[in-house]
Amino acid sequence: TSATKSNGTVFRTVRGRIIFGFVLLLVLMVVLISGVVFMRGEPRMIRQTEQTIQQTGNLIVAEILSLLRVSETLTMTLADLWPVLDRTEEAYLSVPAAFLNRDGDATLAGGGIWPEPGAFEPERELRSFFWAREDDGSLSFLDDYNDPASGGYHGDGWYLAGRSIRPGESVWSEAYTDPHSLAPMVTCTVPLRAAE
């Protein structure tokens, strides 16, 4: 009976009331804080997260557009070389490579000049000047496009796209894997102008 009597008097003692008050206060604080977090904090965190994602996406898009503009300008510059460079292999093996290197910029997988059949040398159908980026960042001249067994470059989609636009304009290919360098890429094509 003494145990029952002491259990019944827990709320009658000051110590019991203080413990009950602290427990009640703790429960109210948890409910209040949870309500504030769910009512105010969660929407604010969601908005901030959405803003951060939007800003990050905008930065990525701006960087990609900048790289595309640089590549397009570089391609137009190479096309402008066609009518002014001497039609010697030495000129075409040195000048375009210097433009393409861009301090070893790995975003530029390669590039070059692909003349129409007989345009560089009347007796040669395939005479392109193509450089591909190596794993170490350097550019290497690849003569694969000039191999008659390769089927030629004149039927490739990126090449055909250039035939449908005027000089000074550019067109971008769909993404593909380059058969010679085996790198995934998109290609900017600018038609060559005739010599003036």
Protein backbone atom coordinates (compact mmCIF):
# COMPACT_ATOMS: atom_id res chain seq x y z
CA THR A 1 0.00 0.00 0.00
CA SER A 2 2.80 2.42 0.58
CA ALA A 3 3.92 2.05 -3.11
CA THR A 4 0.42 2.85 -4.31
CA LYS A 5 0.24 5.81 -2.05
CA SER A 6 3.53 7.28 -3.30
CA ASN A 7 2.51 6.76 -7.01
CA GLY A 8 -0.71 8.59 -6.46
CA THR A 9 1.05 11.51 -4.88
CA VAL A 10 3.55 12.12 -7.69
CA PHE A 11 1.56 15.06 -9.01
CA ARG A 12 1.07 16.40 -5.51
CA THR A 13 4.74 16.88 -4.84
CA VAL A 14 6.71 19.84 -6.14
CA ARG A 15 9.27 17.55 -7.74
CA GLY A 16 6.59 15.64 -9.64
CA ARG A 17 4.98 18.83 -10.88
CA ILE A 18 8.33 20.19 -12.09
CA ILE A 19 9.10 16.97 -14.02
CA PHE A 20 5.63 16.94 -15.52
CA GLY A 21 6.02 20.64 -16.47
CA PHE A 22 9.38 20.02 -18.15
CA VAL A 23 8.02 17.05 -20.11
CA LEU A 24 4.98 19.06 -21.16
CA LEU A 25 7.20 22.03 -22.12
CA LEU A 26 9.50 19.73 -24.12
CA VAL A 27 6.54 18.24 -26.01
CA LEU A 28 5.16 21.71 -26.76
CA MET A 29 8.58 22.93 -27.97
CA VAL A 30 8.96 19.92 -30.29
CA VAL A 31 5.46 20.49 -31.70
CA LEU A 32 6.08 24.24 -32.09
CA ILE A 33 9.51 23.83 -33.72
CA SER A 34 8.20 21.11 -36.05
CA GLY A 35 5.30 23.35 -37.03
CA VAL A 36 7.61 26.29 -37.76
CA VAL A 37 9.99 24.11 -39.78
CA PHE A 38 7.20 22.56 -41.85
CA MET A 39 5.19 25.74 -42.24
CA ARG A 40 7.98 28.27 -42.78
CA GLY A 41 11.38 26.58 -43.05
CA GLU A 42 10.63 23.84 -45.56
CA PRO A 43 9.13 26.13 -48.25
CA ARG A 44 12.03 28.55 -47.77
CA MET A 45 14.58 25.74 -48.12
CA ILE A 46 12.80 24.46 -51.21
CA ARG A 47 12.83 27.97 -52.76
CA GLN A 48 16.52 28.43 -51.98
CA THR A 49 17.36 25.00 -53.39
CA GLU A 50 15.38 25.73 -56.56
CA GLN A 51 17.17 29.09 -56.94
CA THR A 52 20.57 27.43 -56.50
CA ILE A 53 19.71 24.77 -59.08
CA GLN A 54 18.48 27.45 -61.51
CA GLN A 55 21.62 29.56 -61.07
CA THR A 56 23.88 26.54 -61.49
CA GLY A 57 21.99 25.51 -64.64
CA ASN A 58 22.27 29.04 -66.06
CA LEU A 59 26.03 29.06 -65.42
CA ILE A 60 26.45 25.70 -67.15
CA VAL A 61 24.39 26.83 -70.16
CA ALA A 62 26.37 30.08 -70.38
CA GLU A 63 29.65 28.16 -70.30
CA ILE A 64 28.48 25.74 -73.01
CA LEU A 65 27.27 28.62 -75.20
CA SER A 66 30.62 30.35 -74.73
CA LEU A 67 32.48 27.20 -75.82
CA LEU A 68 30.20 26.85 -78.84
CA ARG A 69 30.79 30.48 -79.84
CA VAL A 70 34.56 30.04 -79.53
CA SER A 71 34.42 26.87 -81.65
CA GLU A 72 32.21 28.57 -84.24
CA THR A 73 34.55 31.57 -84.47
CA LEU A 74 37.54 29.27 -84.79
CA THR A 75 35.81 27.31 -87.56
CA MET A 76 34.96 30.49 -89.44
CA THR A 77 38.57 31.63 -89.13
CA LEU A 78 39.78 28.33 -90.59
CA ALA A 79 37.32 28.69 -93.48
CA ASP A 80 38.63 32.22 -94.10
CA LEU A 81 42.16 30.80 -94.44
CA TRP A 82 41.17 28.69 -97.44
CA PRO A 83 41.20 31.44 -100.09
CA VAL A 84 44.30 33.23 -98.75
CA LEU A 85 46.79 30.49 -97.87
CA ASP A 86 49.18 29.21 -100.50
CA ARG A 87 47.96 25.87 -101.81
CA THR A 88 50.97 24.01 -100.43
CA GLU A 89 50.92 21.15 -97.97
CA GLU A 90 53.43 23.01 -95.78
CA ALA A 91 51.05 25.94 -95.33
CA TYR A 92 48.06 23.73 -94.60
CA LEU A 93 50.01 21.46 -92.24
CA SER A 94 51.24 24.32 -90.07
CA VAL A 95 48.80 27.25 -89.98
CA PRO A 96 45.49 25.47 -89.16
CA ALA A 97 47.17 23.39 -86.43
CA ALA A 98 48.31 26.57 -84.69
CA PHE A 99 44.72 27.91 -84.69
CA LEU A 100 43.28 24.65 -83.40
CA ASN A 101 45.65 24.11 -80.50
CA ARG A 102 44.26 26.87 -78.22
CA ASP A 103 46.80 26.09 -75.49
CA GLY A 104 45.78 22.44 -75.30
CA ASP A 105 42.09 23.16 -74.67
CA ALA A 106 40.62 19.65 -74.26
CA THR A 107 37.07 20.82 -75.11
CA LEU A 108 38.20 21.16 -78.72
CA ALA A 109 38.51 17.53 -79.87
CA GLY A 110 39.98 18.45 -83.24
CA GLY A 111 39.29 20.11 -86.52
CA GLY A 112 40.59 20.96 -89.91
CA ILE A 113 39.86 21.77 -93.51
CA TRP A 114 38.08 19.36 -95.86
CA PRO A 115 38.05 20.63 -99.45
CA GLU A 116 35.70 19.44 -102.17
CA PRO A 117 37.06 16.77 -104.56
CA GLY A 118 39.90 18.19 -106.64
CA ALA A 119 39.79 21.60 -104.94
CA PHE A 120 43.21 21.33 -103.28
CA GLU A 121 44.91 19.18 -105.90
CA PRO A 122 42.99 18.60 -109.14
CA GLU A 123 44.03 14.94 -109.36
CA ARG A 124 43.08 14.06 -105.75
CA GLU A 125 39.51 13.51 -104.65
CA LEU A 126 40.36 13.25 -100.93
CA ARG A 127 42.75 15.88 -99.54
CA SER A 128 41.80 16.96 -96.04
CA PHE A 129 43.84 18.43 -93.20
CA PHE A 130 42.56 17.10 -89.89
CA TRP A 131 44.01 17.22 -86.39
CA ALA A 132 42.71 15.28 -83.39
CA ARG A 133 43.37 15.95 -79.71
CA GLU A 134 45.47 13.27 -78.02
CA ASP A 135 45.10 12.16 -74.40
CA ASP A 136 48.07 14.32 -73.39
CA GLY A 137 46.36 17.44 -74.84
CA SER A 138 48.53 17.72 -77.96
CA LEU A 139 47.17 17.77 -81.51
CA SER A 140 48.10 15.09 -84.02
CA PHE A 141 47.61 15.25 -87.76
CA LEU A 142 45.46 12.35 -88.97
CA ASP A 143 45.55 11.38 -92.61
CA ASP A 144 42.76 8.77 -92.22
CA TYR A 145 40.17 10.94 -93.97
CA ASN A 146 42.34 10.87 -97.11
CA ASP A 147 42.47 7.08 -97.34
CA PRO A 148 40.39 6.00 -100.39
CA ALA A 149 39.42 2.82 -98.48
CA SER A 150 37.70 4.98 -95.82
CA GLY A 151 34.90 5.89 -98.21
CA GLY A 152 35.76 9.58 -98.05
CA TYR A 153 34.43 12.42 -95.99
CA HIS A 154 32.15 13.92 -98.66
CA GLY A 155 29.23 11.75 -97.57
CA ASP A 156 29.48 12.38 -93.82
CA GLY A 157 26.51 14.19 -92.28
CA TRP A 158 28.60 17.03 -90.85
CA TYR A 159 30.15 17.62 -94.31
CA LEU A 160 26.85 17.46 -96.21
CA ALA A 161 25.29 19.96 -93.77
CA GLY A 162 27.87 22.54 -94.88
CA ARG A 163 26.76 22.26 -98.50
CA SER A 164 23.29 23.59 -97.70
CA ILE A 165 24.45 26.90 -96.18
CA ARG A 166 26.18 29.97 -97.55
CA PRO A 167 29.79 30.92 -96.83
CA GLY A 168 29.99 32.83 -93.56
CA GLU A 169 27.21 30.77 -92.00
CA SER A 170 27.71 27.76 -89.76
CA VAL A 171 25.80 24.61 -88.91
CA TRP A 172 26.19 22.20 -86.01
CA SER A 173 25.94 18.44 -86.42
CA GLU A 174 24.08 16.10 -84.15
CA ALA A 175 26.21 14.29 -81.55
CA TYR A 176 28.18 11.35 -82.97
CA THR A 177 31.29 9.25 -82.35
CA ASP A 178 34.10 10.24 -84.69
CA PRO A 179 35.20 7.10 -86.59
CA HIS A 180 38.84 8.21 -86.73
CA SER A 181 39.50 9.58 -83.24
CA LEU A 182 36.67 7.54 -81.58
CA ALA A 183 35.74 10.63 -79.54
CA PRO A 184 32.11 11.64 -78.92
CA MET A 185 31.56 15.07 -80.42
CA VAL A 186 29.50 17.61 -82.26
CA THR A 187 30.94 19.36 -85.28
CA CYS A 188 30.66 22.94 -86.41
CA THR A 189 30.80 23.16 -90.20
CA VAL A 190 31.45 26.32 -92.23
CA PRO A 191 31.65 26.13 -96.04
CA LEU A 192 34.89 27.20 -97.69
CA ARG A 193 34.76 30.36 -99.79
CA ALA A 194 36.11 30.45 -103.29
CA ALA A 195 39.37 32.34 -103.78
CA GLU A 196 38.82 35.94 -104.84
